[in-house]
Amino acid sequence: MSENPSYMVHWKARVIISDRTMHEGLITQVRKGGFGMEFTQAVSTGSTLSVEFHVKHDGQLRRLRAKTKVTYCMVKSQSIGASLKLATIKMSKQDNHTMNNILQVLGNSDEFNLQA
C-alpha cells in the first residue's frame, strides 16, 4: 500500500482566490498534505488558494480551513472548469489534527474501497 494514499471524497468547499473573490469547489480526493478538487475555473500553477469545507467527524460537523498551493491544473472545458491538485501550505494545529483523524478513519474503512 502507498505510504501516502489518497481517498475519494465528495466535500463541497468555499475557495478564495488571489483577487479575494469567493467561489464554490468540490474536493474529490484527500490525502495527507493536500487535496484534489474540481473547480469552476483554471488557476495558474503556483497560485495560493484558501479552502474552507465542512466534514462530519465524531458525530459533529467540523469546519476545516487550509491555505493551499496549486500544484496541477487541467482545464476540462470553459463550461465545466478545471481539475486541481492542491498542496497544503498552512492549516491550524487543531484542523490538522482533525484531518489526520479523518484520514485514519478513511484508511481503516472496510465498507468499500475509498482509495483513489
PDB file of N, CA and C in Angstrom:
ATOM      1  N   MET A   1       0.841  -1.176   0.000  1.00  0.00           N
ATOM      2  CA  MET A   1       0.000   0.000   0.000  1.00  0.00           C
ATOM      3  C   MET A   1       0.886   1.239   0.000  1.00  0.00           C
ATOM      4  N   SER A   2       0.431   2.293  -0.654  1.00  0.00           N
ATOM      5  CA  SER A   2       1.162   3.541  -0.739  1.00  0.00           C
ATOM      6  C   SER A   2       1.355   4.148   0.651  1.00  0.00           C
ATOM      7  N   GLU A   3       2.511   4.774   0.849  1.00  0.00           N
ATOM      8  CA  GLU A   3       2.803   5.396   2.124  1.00  0.00           C
ATOM      9  C   GLU A   3       1.897   6.603   2.381  1.00  0.00           C
ATOM     10  N   ASN A   4       1.454   7.248   1.317  1.00  0.00           N
ATOM     11  CA  ASN A   4       0.611   8.438   1.439  1.00  0.00           C
ATOM     12  C   ASN A   4      -0.592   8.300   0.499  1.00  0.00           C
ATOM     13  N   PRO A   5      -1.518   7.388   0.824  1.00  0.00           N
ATOM     14  CA  PRO A   5      -2.647   7.149  -0.085  1.00  0.00           C
ATOM     15  C   PRO A   5      -3.612   8.326  -0.128  1.00  0.00           C
ATOM     16  N   SER A   6      -4.369   8.404  -1.223  1.00  0.00           N
ATOM     17  CA  SER A   6      -5.430   9.407  -1.314  1.00  0.00           C
ATOM     18  C   SER A   6      -6.763   8.681  -1.305  1.00  0.00           C
ATOM     19  N   TYR A   7      -7.790   9.371  -0.848  1.00  0.00           N
ATOM     20  CA  TYR A   7      -9.118   8.784  -0.705  1.00  0.00           C
ATOM     21  C   TYR A   7     -10.131   9.628  -1.451  1.00  0.00           C
ATOM     22  N   MET A   8     -11.081   8.964  -2.085  1.00  0.00           N
ATOM     23  CA  MET A   8     -12.144   9.653  -2.801  1.00  0.00           C
ATOM     24  C   MET A   8     -13.155  10.199  -1.803  1.00  0.00           C
ATOM     25  N   VAL A   9     -13.501  11.461  -1.966  1.00  0.00           N
ATOM     26  CA  VAL A   9     -14.498  12.112  -1.112  1.00  0.00           C
ATOM     27  C   VAL A   9     -15.383  12.985  -1.995  1.00  0.00           C
ATOM     28  N   HIS A  10     -16.380  13.575  -1.400  1.00  0.00           N
ATOM     29  CA  HIS A  10     -17.294  14.476  -2.110  1.00  0.00           C
ATOM     30  C   HIS A  10     -17.671  15.586  -1.132  1.00  0.00           C
ATOM     31  N   TRP A  11     -16.749  16.528  -0.936  1.00  0.00           N
ATOM     32  CA  TRP A  11     -16.933  17.590   0.037  1.00  0.00           C
ATOM     33  C   TRP A  11     -17.041  18.929  -0.679  1.00  0.00           C
ATOM     34  N   LYS A  12     -18.146  19.628  -0.455  1.00  0.00           N
ATOM     35  CA  LYS A  12     -18.297  20.975  -1.007  1.00  0.00           C
ATOM     36  C   LYS A  12     -17.356  21.915  -0.269  1.00  0.00           C
ATOM     37  N   ALA A  13     -16.786  22.851  -1.019  1.00  0.00           N
ATOM     38  CA  ALA A  13     -15.820  23.771  -0.425  1.00  0.00           C
ATOM     39  C   ALA A  13     -16.056  25.192  -0.914  1.00  0.00           C
ATOM     40  N   ARG A  14     -15.659  26.142  -0.066  1.00  0.00           N
ATOM     41  CA  ARG A  14     -15.588  27.543  -0.475  1.00  0.00           C
ATOM     42  C   ARG A  14     -14.125  27.845  -0.707  1.00  0.00           C
ATOM     43  N   VAL A  15     -13.853  28.520  -1.803  1.00  0.00           N
ATOM     44  CA  VAL A  15     -12.472  28.800  -2.183  1.00  0.00           C
ATOM     45  C   VAL A  15     -12.308  30.295  -2.398  1.00  0.00           C
ATOM     46  N   ILE A  16     -11.282  30.851  -1.788  1.00  0.00           N
ATOM     47  CA  ILE A  16     -10.954  32.257  -2.001  1.00  0.00           C
ATOM     48  C   ILE A  16      -9.669  32.296  -2.812  1.00  0.00           C
ATOM     49  N   ILE A  17      -9.755  32.960  -3.978  1.00  0.00           N
ATOM     50  CA  ILE A  17      -8.580  33.046  -4.844  1.00  0.00           C
ATOM     51  C   ILE A  17      -7.852  34.370  -4.596  1.00  0.00           C
ATOM     52  N   SER A  18      -6.744  34.584  -5.285  1.00  0.00           N
ATOM     53  CA  SER A  18      -5.855  35.720  -5.006  1.00  0.00           C
ATOM     54  C   SER A  18      -6.528  37.091  -5.129  1.00  0.00           C
ATOM     55  N   ASP A  19      -7.554  37.223  -5.959  1.00  0.00           N
ATOM     56  CA  ASP A  19      -8.236  38.521  -6.076  1.00  0.00           C
ATOM     57  C   ASP A  19      -9.308  38.710  -5.002  1.00  0.00           C
ATOM     58  N   ARG A  20      -9.317  37.807  -4.026  1.00  0.00           N
ATOM     59  CA  ARG A  20     -10.212  37.842  -2.862  1.00  0.00           C
ATOM     60  C   ARG A  20     -11.678  37.535  -3.189  1.00  0.00           C
ATOM     61  N   THR A  21     -11.934  36.977  -4.353  1.00  0.00           N
ATOM     62  CA  THR A  21     -13.295  36.553  -4.668  1.00  0.00           C
ATOM     63  C   THR A  21     -13.513  35.129  -4.182  1.00  0.00           C
ATOM     64  N   MET A  22     -14.749  34.837  -3.826  1.00  0.00           N
ATOM     65  CA  MET A  22     -15.106  33.529  -3.292  1.00  0.00           C
ATOM     66  C   MET A  22     -15.816  32.708  -4.364  1.00  0.00           C
ATOM     67  N   HIS A  23     -15.468  31.431  -4.448  1.00  0.00           N
ATOM     68  CA  HIS A  23     -16.036  30.523  -5.432  1.00  0.00           C
ATOM     69  C   HIS A  23     -16.369  29.193  -4.765  1.00  0.00           C
ATOM     70  N   GLU A  24     -17.202  28.438  -5.431  1.00  0.00           N
ATOM     71  CA  GLU A  24     -17.529  27.092  -4.964  1.00  0.00           C
ATOM     72  C   GLU A  24     -16.580  26.093  -5.608  1.00  0.00           C
ATOM     73  N   GLY A  25     -16.211  25.074  -4.860  1.00  0.00           N
ATOM     74  CA  GLY A  25     -15.380  23.995  -5.370  1.00  0.00           C
ATOM     75  C   GLY A  25     -15.877  22.682  -4.797  1.00  0.00           C
ATOM     76  N   LEU A  26     -15.358  21.590  -5.314  1.00  0.00           N
ATOM     77  CA  LEU A  26     -15.714  20.268  -4.821  1.00  0.00           C
ATOM     78  C   LEU A  26     -14.437  19.478  -4.598  1.00  0.00           C
ATOM     79  N   ILE A  27     -14.158  19.157  -3.340  1.00  0.00           N
ATOM     80  CA  ILE A  27     -12.996  18.335  -3.026  1.00  0.00           C
ATOM     81  C   ILE A  27     -13.362  16.894  -3.371  1.00  0.00           C
ATOM     82  N   THR A  28     -12.575  16.293  -4.261  1.00  0.00           N
ATOM     83  CA  THR A  28     -12.860  14.935  -4.735  1.00  0.00           C
ATOM     84  C   THR A  28     -11.863  13.908  -4.218  1.00  0.00           C
ATOM     85  N   GLN A  29     -10.713  14.365  -3.782  1.00  0.00           N
ATOM     86  CA  GLN A  29      -9.693  13.476  -3.217  1.00  0.00           C
ATOM     87  C   GLN A  29      -9.037  14.175  -2.042  1.00  0.00           C
ATOM     88  N   VAL A  30      -8.668  13.383  -1.043  1.00  0.00           N
ATOM     89  CA  VAL A  30      -7.967  13.921   0.110  1.00  0.00           C
ATOM     90  C   VAL A  30      -6.815  12.981   0.446  1.00  0.00           C
ATOM     91  N   ARG A  31      -5.705  13.567   0.848  1.00  0.00           N
ATOM     92  CA  ARG A  31      -4.535  12.802   1.264  1.00  0.00           C
ATOM     93  C   ARG A  31      -3.770  13.662   2.264  1.00  0.00           C
ATOM     94  N   LYS A  32      -2.851  13.055   2.977  1.00  0.00           N
ATOM     95  CA  LYS A  32      -2.018  13.826   3.892  1.00  0.00           C
ATOM     96  C   LYS A  32      -1.217  14.820   3.053  1.00  0.00           C
ATOM     97  N   GLY A  33      -1.398  16.075   3.343  1.00  0.00           N
ATOM     98  CA  GLY A  33      -0.647  17.108   2.647  1.00  0.00           C
ATOM     99  C   GLY A  33      -1.341  17.742   1.464  1.00  0.00           C
ATOM    100  N   GLY A  34      -2.596  17.342   1.171  1.00  0.00           N
ATOM    101  CA  GLY A  34      -3.250  18.001   0.050  1.00  0.00           C
ATOM    102  C   GLY A  34      -4.589  17.437  -0.353  1.00  0.00           C
ATOM    103  N   PHE A  35      -5.111  18.007  -1.451  1.00  0.00           N
ATOM    104  CA  PHE A  35      -6.452  17.703  -1.935  1.00  0.00           C
ATOM    105  C   PHE A  35      -6.466  17.631  -3.458  1.00  0.00           C
ATOM    106  N   GLY A  36      -7.463  16.958  -3.987  1.00  0.00           N
ATOM    107  CA  GLY A  36      -7.826  17.053  -5.394  1.00  0.00           C
ATOM    108  C   GLY A  36      -9.160  17.779  -5.430  1.00  0.00           C
ATOM    109  N   MET A  37      -9.342  18.681  -6.387  1.00  0.00           N
ATOM    110  CA  MET A  37     -10.556  19.491  -6.392  1.00  0.00           C
ATOM    111  C   MET A  37     -11.044  19.752  -7.813  1.00  0.00           C
ATOM    112  N   GLU A  38     -12.351  19.743  -7.972  1.00  0.00           N
ATOM    113  CA  GLU A  38     -12.997  20.226  -9.188  1.00  0.00           C
ATOM    114  C   GLU A  38     -13.343  21.674  -8.908  1.00  0.00           C
ATOM    115  N   PHE A  39     -12.940  22.559  -9.834  1.00  0.00           N
ATOM    116  CA  PHE A  39     -13.102  23.985  -9.586  1.00  0.00           C
ATOM    117  C   PHE A  39     -13.743  24.651 -10.795  1.00  0.00           C
ATOM    118  N   THR A  40     -14.350  25.792 -10.568  1.00  0.00           N
ATOM    119  CA  THR A  40     -15.115  26.489 -11.598  1.00  0.00           C
ATOM    120  C   THR A  40     -14.260  27.103 -12.696  1.00  0.00           C
ATOM    121  N   GLN A  41     -12.966  27.278 -12.430  1.00  0.00           N
ATOM    122  CA  GLN A  41     -12.110  27.923 -13.417  1.00  0.00           C
ATOM    123  C   GLN A  41     -10.685  27.405 -13.304  1.00  0.00           C
ATOM    124  N   ALA A  42      -9.901  27.646 -14.336  1.00  0.00           N
ATOM    125  CA  ALA A  42      -8.488  27.297 -14.307  1.00  0.00           C
ATOM    126  C   ALA A  42      -7.746  28.278 -13.407  1.00  0.00           C
ATOM    127  N   VAL A  43      -6.742  27.770 -12.705  1.00  0.00           N
ATOM    128  CA  VAL A  43      -5.925  28.586 -11.821  1.00  0.00           C
ATOM    129  C   VAL A  43      -4.464  28.264 -12.116  1.00  0.00           C
ATOM    130  N   SER A  44      -3.635  29.274 -12.187  1.00  0.00           N
ATOM    131  CA  SER A  44      -2.224  29.077 -12.506  1.00  0.00           C
ATOM    132  C   SER A  44      -1.520  28.218 -11.462  1.00  0.00           C
ATOM    133  N   THR A  45      -0.669  27.317 -11.931  1.00  0.00           N
ATOM    134  CA  THR A  45       0.165  26.532 -11.039  1.00  0.00           C
ATOM    135  C   THR A  45       1.014  27.487 -10.213  1.00  0.00           C
ATOM    136  N   GLY A  46       1.109  27.216  -8.923  1.00  0.00           N
ATOM    137  CA  GLY A  46       1.852  28.082  -8.015  1.00  0.00           C
ATOM    138  C   GLY A  46       0.985  29.088  -7.287  1.00  0.00           C
ATOM    139  N   SER A  47      -0.259  29.275  -7.752  1.00  0.00           N
ATOM    140  CA  SER A  47      -1.181  30.200  -7.081  1.00  0.00           C
ATOM    141  C   SER A  47      -1.560  29.662  -5.707  1.00  0.00           C
ATOM    142  N   THR A  48      -1.899  30.566  -4.805  1.00  0.00           N
ATOM    143  CA  THR A  48      -2.380  30.141  -3.488  1.00  0.00           C
ATOM    144  C   THR A  48      -3.894  30.325  -3.418  1.00  0.00           C
ATOM    145  N   LEU A  49      -4.542  29.356  -2.805  1.00  0.00           N
ATOM    146  CA  LEU A  49      -5.988  29.370  -2.601  1.00  0.00           C
ATOM    147  C   LEU A  49      -6.272  29.097  -1.137  1.00  0.00           C
ATOM    148  N   SER A  50      -7.237  29.789  -0.578  1.00  0.00           N
ATOM    149  CA  SER A  50      -7.728  29.470   0.762  1.00  0.00           C
ATOM    150  C   SER A  50      -8.972  28.609   0.588  1.00  0.00           C
ATOM    151  N   VAL A  51      -8.988  27.459   1.249  1.00  0.00           N
ATOM    152  CA  VAL A  51     -10.072  26.496   1.098  1.00  0.00           C
ATOM    153  C   VAL A  51     -10.730  26.281   2.454  1.00  0.00           C
ATOM    154  N   GLU A  52     -12.056  26.318   2.463  1.00  0.00           N
ATOM    155  CA  GLU A  52     -12.832  26.049   3.677  1.00  0.00           C
ATOM    156  C   GLU A  52     -13.894  25.017   3.338  1.00  0.00           C
ATOM    157  N   PHE A  53     -14.011  23.989   4.179  1.00  0.00           N
ATOM    158  CA  PHE A  53     -15.003  22.949   3.934  1.00  0.00           C
ATOM    159  C   PHE A  53     -15.474  22.373   5.264  1.00  0.00           C
ATOM    160  N   HIS A  54     -16.619  21.709   5.208  1.00  0.00           N
ATOM    161  CA  HIS A  54     -17.194  21.073   6.391  1.00  0.00           C
ATOM    162  C   HIS A  54     -17.210  19.564   6.175  1.00  0.00           C
ATOM    163  N   VAL A  55     -16.885  18.846   7.227  1.00  0.00           N
ATOM    164  CA  VAL A  55     -16.898  17.391   7.160  1.00  0.00           C
ATOM    165  C   VAL A  55     -17.394  16.858   8.508  1.00  0.00           C
ATOM    166  N   LYS A  56     -18.158  15.789   8.453  1.00  0.00           N
ATOM    167  CA  LYS A  56     -18.684  15.196   9.676  1.00  0.00           C
ATOM    168  C   LYS A  56     -17.619  14.283  10.275  1.00  0.00           C
ATOM    169  N   HIS A  57     -17.314  14.522  11.555  1.00  0.00           N
ATOM    170  CA  HIS A  57     -16.318  13.725  12.276  1.00  0.00           C
ATOM    171  C   HIS A  57     -16.731  13.627  13.737  1.00  0.00           C
ATOM    172  N   ASP A  58     -16.677  12.431  14.283  1.00  0.00           N
ATOM    173  CA  ASP A  58     -17.090  12.179  15.670  1.00  0.00           C
ATOM    174  C   ASP A  58     -18.499  12.681  15.958  1.00  0.00           C
ATOM    175  N   GLY A  59     -19.388  12.527  14.980  1.00  0.00           N
ATOM    176  CA  GLY A  59     -20.774  12.923  15.153  1.00  0.00           C
ATOM    177  C   GLY A  59     -21.036  14.412  15.074  1.00  0.00           C
ATOM    178  N   GLN A  60     -20.018  15.185  14.736  1.00  0.00           N
ATOM    179  CA  GLN A  60     -20.177  16.633  14.641  1.00  0.00           C
ATOM    180  C   GLN A  60     -19.726  17.118  13.272  1.00  0.00           C
ATOM    181  N   LEU A  61     -20.350  18.197  12.833  1.00  0.00           N
ATOM    182  CA  LEU A  61     -19.925  18.824  11.596  1.00  0.00           C
ATOM    183  C   LEU A  61     -18.781  19.776  11.934  1.00  0.00           C
ATOM    184  N   ARG A  62     -17.630  19.530  11.341  1.00  0.00           N
ATOM    185  CA  ARG A  62     -16.434  20.326  11.626  1.00  0.00           C
ATOM    186  C   ARG A  62     -16.072  21.192  10.425  1.00  0.00           C
ATOM    187  N   ARG A  63     -15.725  22.428  10.699  1.00  0.00           N
ATOM    188  CA  ARG A  63     -15.252  23.324   9.646  1.00  0.00           C
ATOM    189  C   ARG A  63     -13.730  23.265   9.640  1.00  0.00           C
ATOM    190  N   LEU A  64     -13.160  22.983   8.484  1.00  0.00           N
ATOM    191  CA  LEU A  64     -11.713  22.940   8.329  1.00  0.00           C
ATOM    192  C   LEU A  64     -11.291  23.988   7.305  1.00  0.00           C
ATOM    193  N   ARG A  65     -10.142  24.603   7.551  1.00  0.00           N
ATOM    194  CA  ARG A  65      -9.615  25.607   6.632  1.00  0.00           C
ATOM    195  C   ARG A  65      -8.151  25.301   6.349  1.00  0.00           C
ATOM    196  N   ALA A  66      -7.758  25.600   5.118  1.00  0.00           N
ATOM    197  CA  ALA A  66      -6.363  25.398   4.736  1.00  0.00           C
ATOM    198  C   ALA A  66      -5.952  26.434   3.710  1.00  0.00           C
ATOM    199  N   LYS A  67      -4.720  26.874   3.821  1.00  0.00           N
ATOM    200  CA  LYS A  67      -4.113  27.674   2.765  1.00  0.00           C
ATOM    201  C   LYS A  67      -3.371  26.671   1.894  1.00  0.00           C
ATOM    202  N   THR A  68      -3.605  26.725   0.584  1.00  0.00           N
ATOM    203  CA  THR A  68      -3.051  25.726  -0.313  1.00  0.00           C
ATOM    204  C   THR A  68      -2.330  26.366  -1.496  1.00  0.00           C
ATOM    205  N   LYS A  69      -1.529  25.551  -2.164  1.00  0.00           N
ATOM    206  CA  LYS A  69      -0.822  25.973  -3.367  1.00  0.00           C
ATOM    207  C   LYS A  69      -1.224  25.041  -4.504  1.00  0.00           C
ATOM    208  N   VAL A  70      -1.553  25.601  -5.655  1.00  0.00           N
ATOM    209  CA  VAL A  70      -1.934  24.799  -6.814  1.00  0.00           C
ATOM    210  C   VAL A  70      -0.679  24.145  -7.387  1.00  0.00           C
ATOM    211  N   THR A  71      -0.674  22.815  -7.423  1.00  0.00           N
ATOM    212  CA  THR A  71       0.467  22.086  -7.976  1.00  0.00           C
ATOM    213  C   THR A  71       0.166  21.511  -9.352  1.00  0.00           C
ATOM    214  N   TYR A  72      -1.124  21.504  -9.738  1.00  0.00           N
ATOM    215  CA  TYR A  72      -1.539  20.935 -11.030  1.00  0.00           C
ATOM    216  C   TYR A  72      -2.883  21.525 -11.408  1.00  0.00           C
ATOM    217  N   CYS A  73      -3.074  21.826 -12.667  1.00  0.00           N
ATOM    218  CA  CYS A  73      -4.357  22.321 -13.151  1.00  0.00           C
ATOM    219  C   CYS A  73      -4.597  21.774 -14.550  1.00  0.00           C
ATOM    220  N   MET A  74      -5.714  21.083 -14.728  1.00  0.00           N
ATOM    221  CA  MET A  74      -6.104  20.581 -16.038  1.00  0.00           C
ATOM    222  C   MET A  74      -7.466  21.168 -16.381  1.00  0.00           C
ATOM    223  N   VAL A  75      -7.504  21.957 -17.457  1.00  0.00           N
ATOM    224  CA  VAL A  75      -8.754  22.561 -17.897  1.00  0.00           C
ATOM    225  C   VAL A  75      -9.612  21.480 -18.531  1.00  0.00           C
ATOM    226  N   LYS A  76     -10.852  21.362 -18.054  1.00  0.00           N
ATOM    227  CA  LYS A  76     -11.782  20.388 -18.627  1.00  0.00           C
ATOM    228  C   LYS A  76     -12.517  20.993 -19.807  1.00  0.00           C
ATOM    229  N   SER A  77     -13.132  22.132 -19.589  1.00  0.00           N
ATOM    230  CA  SER A  77     -13.789  22.902 -20.646  1.00  0.00           C
ATOM    231  C   SER A  77     -14.165  24.242 -20.038  1.00  0.00           C
ATOM    232  N   GLN A  78     -14.512  25.189 -20.898  1.00  0.00           N
ATOM    233  CA  GLN A  78     -14.880  26.506 -20.369  1.00  0.00           C
ATOM    234  C   GLN A  78     -16.147  26.441 -19.534  1.00  0.00           C
ATOM    235  N   SER A  79     -17.056  25.528 -19.857  1.00  0.00           N
ATOM    236  CA  SER A  79     -18.312  25.462 -19.113  1.00  0.00           C
ATOM    237  C   SER A  79     -18.204  24.597 -17.857  1.00  0.00           C
ATOM    238  N   ILE A  80     -17.266  23.650 -17.827  1.00  0.00           N
ATOM    239  CA  ILE A  80     -17.151  22.745 -16.678  1.00  0.00           C
ATOM    240  C   ILE A  80     -16.112  23.234 -15.683  1.00  0.00           C
ATOM    241  N   GLY A  81     -15.015  23.786 -16.132  1.00  0.00           N
ATOM    242  CA  GLY A  81     -13.983  24.264 -15.220  1.00  0.00           C
ATOM    243  C   GLY A  81     -12.709  23.455 -15.327  1.00  0.00           C
ATOM    244  N   ALA A  82     -12.096  23.181 -14.157  1.00  0.00           N
ATOM    245  CA  ALA A  82     -10.786  22.547 -14.146  1.00  0.00           C
ATOM    246  C   ALA A  82     -10.648  21.586 -12.967  1.00  0.00           C
ATOM    247  N   SER A  83      -9.727  20.639 -13.124  1.00  0.00           N
ATOM    248  CA  SER A  83      -9.330  19.749 -12.030  1.00  0.00           C
ATOM    249  C   SER A  83      -8.027  20.277 -11.464  1.00  0.00           C
ATOM    250  N   LEU A  84      -7.980  20.453 -10.152  1.00  0.00           N
ATOM    251  CA  LEU A  84      -6.798  20.979  -9.491  1.00  0.00           C
ATOM    252  C   LEU A  84      -6.234  19.965  -8.507  1.00  0.00           C
ATOM    253  N   LYS A  85      -4.934  20.023  -8.316  1.00  0.00           N
ATOM    254  CA  LYS A  85      -4.287  19.339  -7.202  1.00  0.00           C
ATOM    255  C   LYS A  85      -3.705  20.442  -6.334  1.00  0.00           C
ATOM    256  N   LEU A  86      -3.980  20.359  -5.043  1.00  0.00           N
ATOM    257  CA  LEU A  86      -3.584  21.388  -4.097  1.00  0.00           C
ATOM    258  C   LEU A  86      -2.697  20.796  -3.014  1.00  0.00           C
ATOM    259  N   ALA A  87      -1.610  21.460  -2.710  1.00  0.00           N
ATOM    260  CA  ALA A  87      -0.741  21.081  -1.599  1.00  0.00           C
ATOM    261  C   ALA A  87      -1.042  22.013  -0.430  1.00  0.00           C
ATOM    262  N   THR A  88      -1.204  21.447   0.746  1.00  0.00           N
ATOM    263  CA  THR A  88      -1.477  22.252   1.929  1.00  0.00           C
ATOM    264  C   THR A  88      -0.210  22.998   2.345  1.00  0.00           C
ATOM    265  N   ILE A  89      -0.330  24.318   2.463  1.00  0.00           N
ATOM    266  CA  ILE A  89       0.772  25.161   2.917  1.00  0.00           C
ATOM    267  C   ILE A  89       0.636  25.426   4.415  1.00  0.00           C
ATOM    268  N   LYS A  90      -0.599  25.737   4.832  1.00  0.00           N
ATOM    269  CA  LYS A  90      -0.831  26.091   6.232  1.00  0.00           C
ATOM    270  C   LYS A  90      -2.209  25.624   6.655  1.00  0.00           C
ATOM    271  N   MET A  91      -2.257  25.029   7.847  1.00  0.00           N
ATOM    272  CA  MET A  91      -3.520  24.588   8.445  1.00  0.00           C
ATOM    273  C   MET A  91      -3.316  24.676   9.952  1.00  0.00           C
ATOM    274  N   SER A  92      -4.327  25.136  10.665  1.00  0.00           N
ATOM    275  CA  SER A  92      -4.176  25.252  12.117  1.00  0.00           C
ATOM    276  C   SER A  92      -3.874  23.879  12.719  1.00  0.00           C
ATOM    277  N   LYS A  93      -3.251  23.897  13.877  1.00  0.00           N
ATOM    278  CA  LYS A  93      -2.890  22.649  14.550  1.00  0.00           C
ATOM    279  C   LYS A  93      -4.138  21.800  14.820  1.00  0.00           C
ATOM    280  N   GLN A  94      -5.219  22.438  15.241  1.00  0.00           N
ATOM    281  CA  GLN A  94      -6.458  21.721  15.540  1.00  0.00           C
ATOM    282  C   GLN A  94      -7.069  21.137  14.269  1.00  0.00           C
ATOM    283  N   ASP A  95      -7.128  21.933  13.189  1.00  0.00           N
ATOM    284  CA  ASP A  95      -7.678  21.428  11.925  1.00  0.00           C
ATOM    285  C   ASP A  95      -6.812  20.307  11.363  1.00  0.00           C
ATOM    286  N   ASN A  96      -5.486  20.434  11.502  1.00  0.00           N
ATOM    287  CA  ASN A  96      -4.587  19.393  11.034  1.00  0.00           C
ATOM    288  C   ASN A  96      -4.804  18.091  11.813  1.00  0.00           C
ATOM    289  N   HIS A  97      -5.007  18.210  13.119  1.00  0.00           N
ATOM    290  CA  HIS A  97      -5.279  17.031  13.950  1.00  0.00           C
ATOM    291  C   HIS A  97      -6.584  16.356  13.518  1.00  0.00           C
ATOM    292  N   THR A  98      -7.622  17.168  13.289  1.00  0.00           N
ATOM    293  CA  THR A  98      -8.903  16.629  12.827  1.00  0.00           C
ATOM    294  C   THR A  98      -8.736  15.942  11.471  1.00  0.00           C
ATOM    295  N   MET A  99      -7.998  16.580  10.550  1.00  0.00           N
ATOM    296  CA  MET A  99      -7.784  15.996   9.225  1.00  0.00           C
ATOM    297  C   MET A  99      -7.048  14.662   9.334  1.00  0.00           C
ATOM    298  N   ASN A 100      -6.032  14.590  10.191  1.00  0.00           N
ATOM    299  CA  ASN A 100      -5.317  13.326  10.371  1.00  0.00           C
ATOM    300  C   ASN A 100      -6.239  12.231  10.903  1.00  0.00           C
ATOM    301  N   ASN A 101      -7.135  12.588  11.820  1.00  0.00           N
ATOM    302  CA  ASN A 101      -8.103  11.612  12.332  1.00  0.00           C
ATOM    303  C   ASN A 101      -9.052  11.143  11.232  1.00  0.00           C
ATOM    304  N   ILE A 102      -9.484  12.071  10.384  1.00  0.00           N
ATOM    305  CA  ILE A 102     -10.374  11.712   9.273  1.00  0.00           C
ATOM    306  C   ILE A 102      -9.654  10.777   8.311  1.00  0.00           C
ATOM    307  N   LEU A 103      -8.405  11.071   7.994  1.00  0.00           N
ATOM    308  CA  LEU A 103      -7.633  10.199   7.099  1.00  0.00           C
ATOM    309  C   LEU A 103      -7.466   8.806   7.701  1.00  0.00           C
ATOM    310  N   GLN A 104      -7.288   8.730   9.012  1.00  0.00           N
ATOM    311  CA  GLN A 104      -7.167   7.440   9.666  1.00  0.00           C
ATOM    312  C   GLN A 104      -8.474   6.650   9.560  1.00  0.00           C
ATOM    313  N   VAL A 105      -9.597   7.322   9.764  1.00  0.00           N
ATOM    314  CA  VAL A 105     -10.900   6.669   9.636  1.00  0.00           C
ATOM    315  C   VAL A 105     -11.099   6.165   8.201  1.00  0.00           C
ATOM    316  N   LEU A 106     -10.769   7.000   7.220  1.00  0.00           N
ATOM    317  CA  LEU A 106     -10.892   6.587   5.819  1.00  0.00           C
ATOM    318  C   LEU A 106      -9.985   5.397   5.516  1.00  0.00           C
ATOM    319  N   GLY A 107      -8.784   5.421   6.038  1.00  0.00           N
ATOM    320  CA  GLY A 107      -7.837   4.334   5.808  1.00  0.00           C
ATOM    321  C   GLY A 107      -8.262   3.028   6.446  1.00  0.00           C
ATOM    322  N   ASN A 108      -8.978   3.118   7.565  1.00  0.00           N
ATOM    323  CA  ASN A 108      -9.432   1.908   8.264  1.00  0.00           C
ATOM    324  C   ASN A 108     -10.781   1.417   7.788  1.00  0.00           C
ATOM    325  N   SER A 109     -11.439   2.157   6.907  1.00  0.00           N
ATOM    326  CA  SER A 109     -12.771   1.781   6.431  1.00  0.00           C
ATOM    327  C   SER A 109     -12.686   0.533   5.576  1.00  0.00           C
ATOM    328  N   ASP A 110     -13.498  -0.468   5.922  1.00  0.00           N
ATOM    329  CA  ASP A 110     -13.530  -1.684   5.116  1.00  0.00           C
ATOM    330  C   ASP A 110     -14.886  -1.882   4.439  1.00  0.00           C
ATOM    331  N   GLU A 111     -15.731  -0.839   4.479  1.00  0.00           N
ATOM    332  CA  GLU A 111     -17.039  -0.928   3.840  1.00  0.00           C
ATOM    333  C   GLU A 111     -16.919  -0.971   2.335  1.00  0.00           C
ATOM    334  N   PHE A 112     -16.027  -0.179   1.786  1.00  0.00           N
ATOM    335  CA  PHE A 112     -15.740  -0.186   0.348  1.00  0.00           C
ATOM    336  C   PHE A 112     -14.398   0.507   0.165  1.00  0.00           C
ATOM    337  N   ASN A 113     -13.829   0.304  -0.980  1.00  0.00           N
ATOM    338  CA  ASN A 113     -12.502   0.836  -1.240  1.00  0.00           C
ATOM    339  C   ASN A 113     -12.568   2.317  -1.528  1.00  0.00           C
ATOM    340  N   LEU A 114     -12.026   3.128  -0.630  1.00  0.00           N
ATOM    341  CA  LEU A 114     -12.067   4.573  -0.778  1.00  0.00           C
ATOM    342  C   LEU A 114     -10.814   5.124  -1.443  1.00  0.00           C
ATOM    343  N   GLN A 115      -9.831   4.257  -1.678  1.00  0.00           N
ATOM    344  CA  GLN A 115      -8.591   4.770  -2.245  1.00  0.00           C
ATOM    345  C   GLN A 115      -8.782   5.177  -3.679  1.00  0.00           C
ATOM    346  N   ALA A 116      -8.229   6.331  -4.003  1.00  0.00           N
ATOM    347  CA  ALA A 116      -8.343   6.854  -5.365  1.00  0.00           C
ATOM    348  C   ALA A 116      -7.213   6.319  -6.218  1.00  0.00           C
TER     349      ALA A 116
END
